[in-house]
């Protein structure tokens, strides 16, 4: 019985010391701003840190509301074998509706083989030499450096 009282007495003493330490930590300390307790002081410190970076976060939220550039196919009717100006087939606009320059990134012929001869950068002409479905990868970048890239499949008829 004496052994049991010694063992449980030590445990009870340790638990009482732990509870006293936690109570002093939670309610027994005060900082220079009047915050009482460890958790209140930590909360006040973290709240101050958030206000410092809050303006950057608001700017980021405002910037993320802007839409990405939109690229679309605008030609009506069928595309025949021949040459077309890129502005005749495609258009890109930013979130404010302003026109953007287009970049042809790659072109695949109807057989799925990449071709460099379809698009001429100096004249912005697309030349379709055979019928089939051509795939073009087109990009547009707006003034806020947002880039849209899309693949457009164009059926070319004889």
C-alpha atoms as a PDB file:
ATOM      1  CA  UNK A   1       0.000   0.000   0.000  1.00  0.00           C
ATOM      2  CA  UNK A   2       2.851   2.323   0.804  1.00  0.00           C
ATOM      3  CA  UNK A   3       4.382   1.627  -2.636  1.00  0.00           C
ATOM      4  CA  UNK A   4       1.107   2.456  -4.377  1.00  0.00           C
ATOM      5  CA  UNK A   5       0.769   5.757  -2.483  1.00  0.00           C
ATOM      6  CA  UNK A   6       4.352   6.745  -3.390  1.00  0.00           C
ATOM      7  CA  UNK A   7       3.830   5.913  -7.091  1.00  0.00           C
ATOM      8  CA  UNK A   8       0.452   7.664  -7.387  1.00  0.00           C
ATOM      9  CA  UNK A   9       1.646  10.533  -5.222  1.00  0.00           C
ATOM     10  CA  UNK A  10       4.455  11.295  -7.666  1.00  0.00           C
ATOM     11  CA  UNK A  11       2.023  11.192 -10.605  1.00  0.00           C
ATOM     12  CA  UNK A  12      -0.434  13.485  -8.811  1.00  0.00           C
ATOM     13  CA  UNK A  13       2.366  15.892  -7.918  1.00  0.00           C
ATOM     14  CA  UNK A  14       3.574  15.980 -11.541  1.00  0.00           C
ATOM     15  CA  UNK A  15       0.029  16.548 -12.848  1.00  0.00           C
ATOM     16  CA  UNK A  16      -0.516  19.363 -10.344  1.00  0.00           C
ATOM     17  CA  UNK A  17       2.790  20.989 -11.360  1.00  0.00           C
ATOM     18  CA  UNK A  18       1.845  20.719 -15.058  1.00  0.00           C
ATOM     19  CA  UNK A  19      -1.586  22.262 -14.474  1.00  0.00           C
ATOM     20  CA  UNK A  20      -0.022  25.102 -12.464  1.00  0.00           C
ATOM     21  CA  UNK A  21       2.525  25.732 -15.232  1.00  0.00           C
ATOM     22  CA  UNK A  22      -0.201  25.810 -17.905  1.00  0.00           C
ATOM     23  CA  UNK A  23      -2.351  28.186 -15.854  1.00  0.00           C
ATOM     24  CA  UNK A  24       0.588  30.533 -15.361  1.00  0.00           C
ATOM     25  CA  UNK A  25       1.391  30.348 -19.070  1.00  0.00           C
ATOM     26  CA  UNK A  26      -2.181  31.068 -20.112  1.00  0.00           C
ATOM     27  CA  UNK A  27      -3.060  33.753 -17.555  1.00  0.00           C
ATOM     28  CA  UNK A  28       0.006  34.713 -15.554  1.00  0.00           C
ATOM     29  CA  UNK A  29       2.133  36.681 -18.014  1.00  0.00           C
ATOM     30  CA  UNK A  30       1.521  40.087 -19.549  1.00  0.00           C
ATOM     31  CA  UNK A  31       3.296  41.892 -22.394  1.00  0.00           C
ATOM     32  CA  UNK A  32       3.901  45.604 -22.919  1.00  0.00           C
ATOM     33  CA  UNK A  33       0.678  46.036 -24.935  1.00  0.00           C
ATOM     34  CA  UNK A  34      -1.547  44.699 -22.148  1.00  0.00           C
ATOM     35  CA  UNK A  35      -2.134  41.247 -23.617  1.00  0.00           C
ATOM     36  CA  UNK A  36      -2.514  38.705 -20.822  1.00  0.00           C
ATOM     37  CA  UNK A  37      -1.473  35.110 -21.411  1.00  0.00           C
ATOM     38  CA  UNK A  38       0.694  33.384 -23.935  1.00  0.00           C
ATOM     39  CA  UNK A  39      -2.054  32.739 -26.485  1.00  0.00           C
ATOM     40  CA  UNK A  40      -3.301  36.338 -26.462  1.00  0.00           C
ATOM     41  CA  UNK A  41       0.235  37.618 -26.889  1.00  0.00           C
ATOM     42  CA  UNK A  42       0.845  35.208 -29.785  1.00  0.00           C
ATOM     43  CA  UNK A  43      -2.465  36.174 -31.394  1.00  0.00           C
ATOM     44  CA  UNK A  44      -1.649  39.886 -31.151  1.00  0.00           C
ATOM     45  CA  UNK A  45       1.776  39.282 -32.658  1.00  0.00           C
ATOM     46  CA  UNK A  46       0.367  37.316 -35.596  1.00  0.00           C
ATOM     47  CA  UNK A  47      -2.378  39.884 -36.158  1.00  0.00           C
ATOM     48  CA  UNK A  48       0.226  42.634 -36.462  1.00  0.00           C
ATOM     49  CA  UNK A  49       2.187  40.581 -38.980  1.00  0.00           C
ATOM     50  CA  UNK A  50      -0.911  40.103 -41.146  1.00  0.00           C
ATOM     51  CA  UNK A  51      -1.610  43.822 -41.325  1.00  0.00           C
ATOM     52  CA  UNK A  52       1.916  44.406 -42.655  1.00  0.00           C
ATOM     53  CA  UNK A  53       1.388  42.011 -45.547  1.00  0.00           C
ATOM     54  CA  UNK A  54      -2.338  42.656 -46.017  1.00  0.00           C
ATOM     55  CA  UNK A  55      -1.882  45.294 -48.721  1.00  0.00           C
ATOM     56  CA  UNK A  56       0.233  42.932 -50.820  1.00  0.00           C
ATOM     57  CA  UNK A  57      -2.415  40.260 -50.504  1.00  0.00           C
ATOM     58  CA  UNK A  58      -5.178  42.677 -51.577  1.00  0.00           C
ATOM     59  CA  UNK A  59      -3.102  43.661 -54.627  1.00  0.00           C
ATOM     60  CA  UNK A  60      -2.664  40.009 -55.506  1.00  0.00           C
ATOM     61  CA  UNK A  61      -6.422  39.411 -55.184  1.00  0.00           C
ATOM     62  CA  UNK A  62      -7.193  42.398 -57.421  1.00  0.00           C
ATOM     63  CA  UNK A  63      -4.697  41.259 -60.052  1.00  0.00           C
ATOM     64  CA  UNK A  64      -6.088  37.734 -60.056  1.00  0.00           C
ATOM     65  CA  UNK A  65      -9.559  39.055 -60.911  1.00  0.00           C
ATOM     66  CA  UNK A  66      -8.329  40.019 -64.376  1.00  0.00           C
ATOM     67  CA  UNK A  67      -9.167  37.456 -67.014  1.00  0.00           C
ATOM     68  CA  UNK A  68      -6.679  35.760 -69.273  1.00  0.00           C
ATOM     69  CA  UNK A  69      -6.460  36.662 -72.962  1.00  0.00           C
ATOM     70  CA  UNK A  70      -9.118  35.046 -75.124  1.00  0.00           C
ATOM     71  CA  UNK A  71      -8.160  33.523 -78.475  1.00  0.00           C
ATOM     72  CA  UNK A  72     -10.823  32.576 -80.976  1.00  0.00           C
ATOM     73  CA  UNK A  73     -11.370  31.500 -84.553  1.00  0.00           C
ATOM     74  CA  UNK A  74     -13.339  34.134 -86.472  1.00  0.00           C
ATOM     75  CA  UNK A  75     -13.546  33.019 -90.099  1.00  0.00           C
ATOM     76  CA  UNK A  76     -16.980  32.159 -91.340  1.00  0.00           C
ATOM     77  CA  UNK A  77     -17.366  29.473 -93.939  1.00  0.00           C
ATOM     78  CA  UNK A  78     -15.045  26.719 -95.039  1.00  0.00           C
ATOM     79  CA  UNK A  79     -11.280  27.103 -95.389  1.00  0.00           C
ATOM     80  CA  UNK A  80      -9.996  26.024 -98.796  1.00  0.00           C
ATOM     81  CA  UNK A  81      -6.494  25.054 -99.869  1.00  0.00           C
ATOM     82  CA  UNK A  82      -4.473  28.249-100.261  1.00  0.00           C
ATOM     83  CA  UNK A  83      -3.011  31.128 -98.263  1.00  0.00           C
ATOM     84  CA  UNK A  84      -4.754  33.163 -95.576  1.00  0.00           C
ATOM     85  CA  UNK A  85      -3.693  36.075 -93.453  1.00  0.00           C
ATOM     86  CA  UNK A  86      -3.562  35.131 -89.778  1.00  0.00           C
ATOM     87  CA  UNK A  87      -5.771  38.123 -88.843  1.00  0.00           C
ATOM     88  CA  UNK A  88      -8.401  36.778 -91.243  1.00  0.00           C
ATOM     89  CA  UNK A  89      -8.657  33.497 -89.301  1.00  0.00           C
ATOM     90  CA  UNK A  90      -7.918  34.324 -85.643  1.00  0.00           C
ATOM     91  CA  UNK A  91      -8.244  37.092 -83.115  1.00  0.00           C
ATOM     92  CA  UNK A  92      -7.136  37.589 -79.509  1.00  0.00           C
ATOM     93  CA  UNK A  93      -8.395  40.102 -76.949  1.00  0.00           C
ATOM     94  CA  UNK A  94      -7.419  40.882 -73.363  1.00  0.00           C
ATOM     95  CA  UNK A  95      -9.843  41.209 -70.436  1.00  0.00           C
ATOM     96  CA  UNK A  96     -10.615  44.820 -71.419  1.00  0.00           C
ATOM     97  CA  UNK A  97     -11.451  43.897 -75.032  1.00  0.00           C
ATOM     98  CA  UNK A  98      -8.260  45.292 -76.593  1.00  0.00           C
ATOM     99  CA  UNK A  99      -6.792  43.391 -79.533  1.00  0.00           C
ATOM    100  CA  UNK A 100      -3.591  41.451 -78.874  1.00  0.00           C
ATOM    101  CA  UNK A 101      -0.900  40.197 -81.237  1.00  0.00           C
ATOM    102  CA  UNK A 102      -0.960  36.471 -81.893  1.00  0.00           C
ATOM    103  CA  UNK A 103       1.981  34.092 -81.940  1.00  0.00           C
ATOM    104  CA  UNK A 104       1.824  30.861 -83.889  1.00  0.00           C
ATOM    105  CA  UNK A 105       3.805  28.462 -81.727  1.00  0.00           C
ATOM    106  CA  UNK A 106       3.511  25.316 -83.832  1.00  0.00           C
ATOM    107  CA  UNK A 107       1.543  23.824 -86.719  1.00  0.00           C
ATOM    108  CA  UNK A 108       0.774  20.170 -87.418  1.00  0.00           C
ATOM    109  CA  UNK A 109      -0.335  18.992 -90.845  1.00  0.00           C
ATOM    110  CA  UNK A 110      -3.283  16.576 -91.343  1.00  0.00           C
ATOM    111  CA  UNK A 111      -0.933  13.614 -90.787  1.00  0.00           C
ATOM    112  CA  UNK A 112       0.101  14.897 -87.329  1.00  0.00           C
ATOM    113  CA  UNK A 113       3.596  15.891 -88.434  1.00  0.00           C
ATOM    114  CA  UNK A 114       4.909  19.305 -87.293  1.00  0.00           C
ATOM    115  CA  UNK A 115       5.446  21.646 -90.237  1.00  0.00           C
ATOM    116  CA  UNK A 116       7.388  24.888 -90.230  1.00  0.00           C
ATOM    117  CA  UNK A 117       6.448  25.864 -93.809  1.00  0.00           C
ATOM    118  CA  UNK A 118       2.740  26.450 -93.122  1.00  0.00           C
ATOM    119  CA  UNK A 119       3.258  29.769 -91.327  1.00  0.00           C
ATOM    120  CA  UNK A 120       5.465  32.599 -92.593  1.00  0.00           C
ATOM    121  CA  UNK A 121       6.335  34.971 -89.770  1.00  0.00           C
ATOM    122  CA  UNK A 122       7.401  37.871 -92.004  1.00  0.00           C
ATOM    123  CA  UNK A 123       4.062  38.024 -93.862  1.00  0.00           C
ATOM    124  CA  UNK A 124       1.771  36.466 -91.189  1.00  0.00           C
ATOM    125  CA  UNK A 125       0.428  34.141 -93.880  1.00  0.00           C
ATOM    126  CA  UNK A 126      -0.804  30.593 -93.322  1.00  0.00           C
ATOM    127  CA  UNK A 127      -0.492  28.342 -96.374  1.00  0.00           C
ATOM    128  CA  UNK A 128      -2.527  25.165 -96.483  1.00  0.00           C
ATOM    129  CA  UNK A 129      -1.196  22.870 -99.234  1.00  0.00           C
ATOM    130  CA  UNK A 130      -3.422  19.820 -98.775  1.00  0.00           C
ATOM    131  CA  UNK A 131      -6.873  19.067 -97.452  1.00  0.00           C
ATOM    132  CA  UNK A 132      -7.384  17.655 -93.984  1.00  0.00           C
ATOM    133  CA  UNK A 133      -7.460  18.881 -90.413  1.00  0.00           C
ATOM    134  CA  UNK A 134      -4.550  21.125 -89.444  1.00  0.00           C
ATOM    135  CA  UNK A 135      -3.773  21.754 -85.768  1.00  0.00           C
ATOM    136  CA  UNK A 136      -2.336  25.117 -84.737  1.00  0.00           C
ATOM    137  CA  UNK A 137      -1.007  26.046 -81.326  1.00  0.00           C
ATOM    138  CA  UNK A 138      -1.560  29.783 -80.869  1.00  0.00           C
ATOM    139  CA  UNK A 139      -0.536  32.060 -77.987  1.00  0.00           C
ATOM    140  CA  UNK A 140      -1.327  35.601 -76.912  1.00  0.00           C
ATOM    141  CA  UNK A 141       0.197  37.674 -74.088  1.00  0.00           C
ATOM    142  CA  UNK A 142      -1.473  40.746 -72.599  1.00  0.00           C
ATOM    143  CA  UNK A 143       0.026  43.856 -70.959  1.00  0.00           C
ATOM    144  CA  UNK A 144      -0.065  42.182 -67.519  1.00  0.00           C
ATOM    145  CA  UNK A 145       2.059  39.308 -68.851  1.00  0.00           C
ATOM    146  CA  UNK A 146      -0.786  36.779 -68.762  1.00  0.00           C
ATOM    147  CA  UNK A 147      -0.440  34.260 -71.547  1.00  0.00           C
ATOM    148  CA  UNK A 148      -3.092  32.069 -73.135  1.00  0.00           C
ATOM    149  CA  UNK A 149      -2.140  29.151 -75.343  1.00  0.00           C
ATOM    150  CA  UNK A 150      -4.706  27.095 -77.206  1.00  0.00           C
ATOM    151  CA  UNK A 151      -4.837  24.473 -79.908  1.00  0.00           C
ATOM    152  CA  UNK A 152      -7.245  25.054 -82.755  1.00  0.00           C
ATOM    153  CA  UNK A 153      -8.160  22.398 -85.309  1.00  0.00           C
ATOM    154  CA  UNK A 154      -8.904  23.795 -88.774  1.00  0.00           C
ATOM    155  CA  UNK A 155     -10.544  21.597 -91.408  1.00  0.00           C
ATOM    156  CA  UNK A 156      -9.199  22.514 -94.847  1.00  0.00           C
ATOM    157  CA  UNK A 157     -11.245  21.526 -97.913  1.00  0.00           C
ATOM    158  CA  UNK A 158     -10.266  21.216-101.541  1.00  0.00           C
END
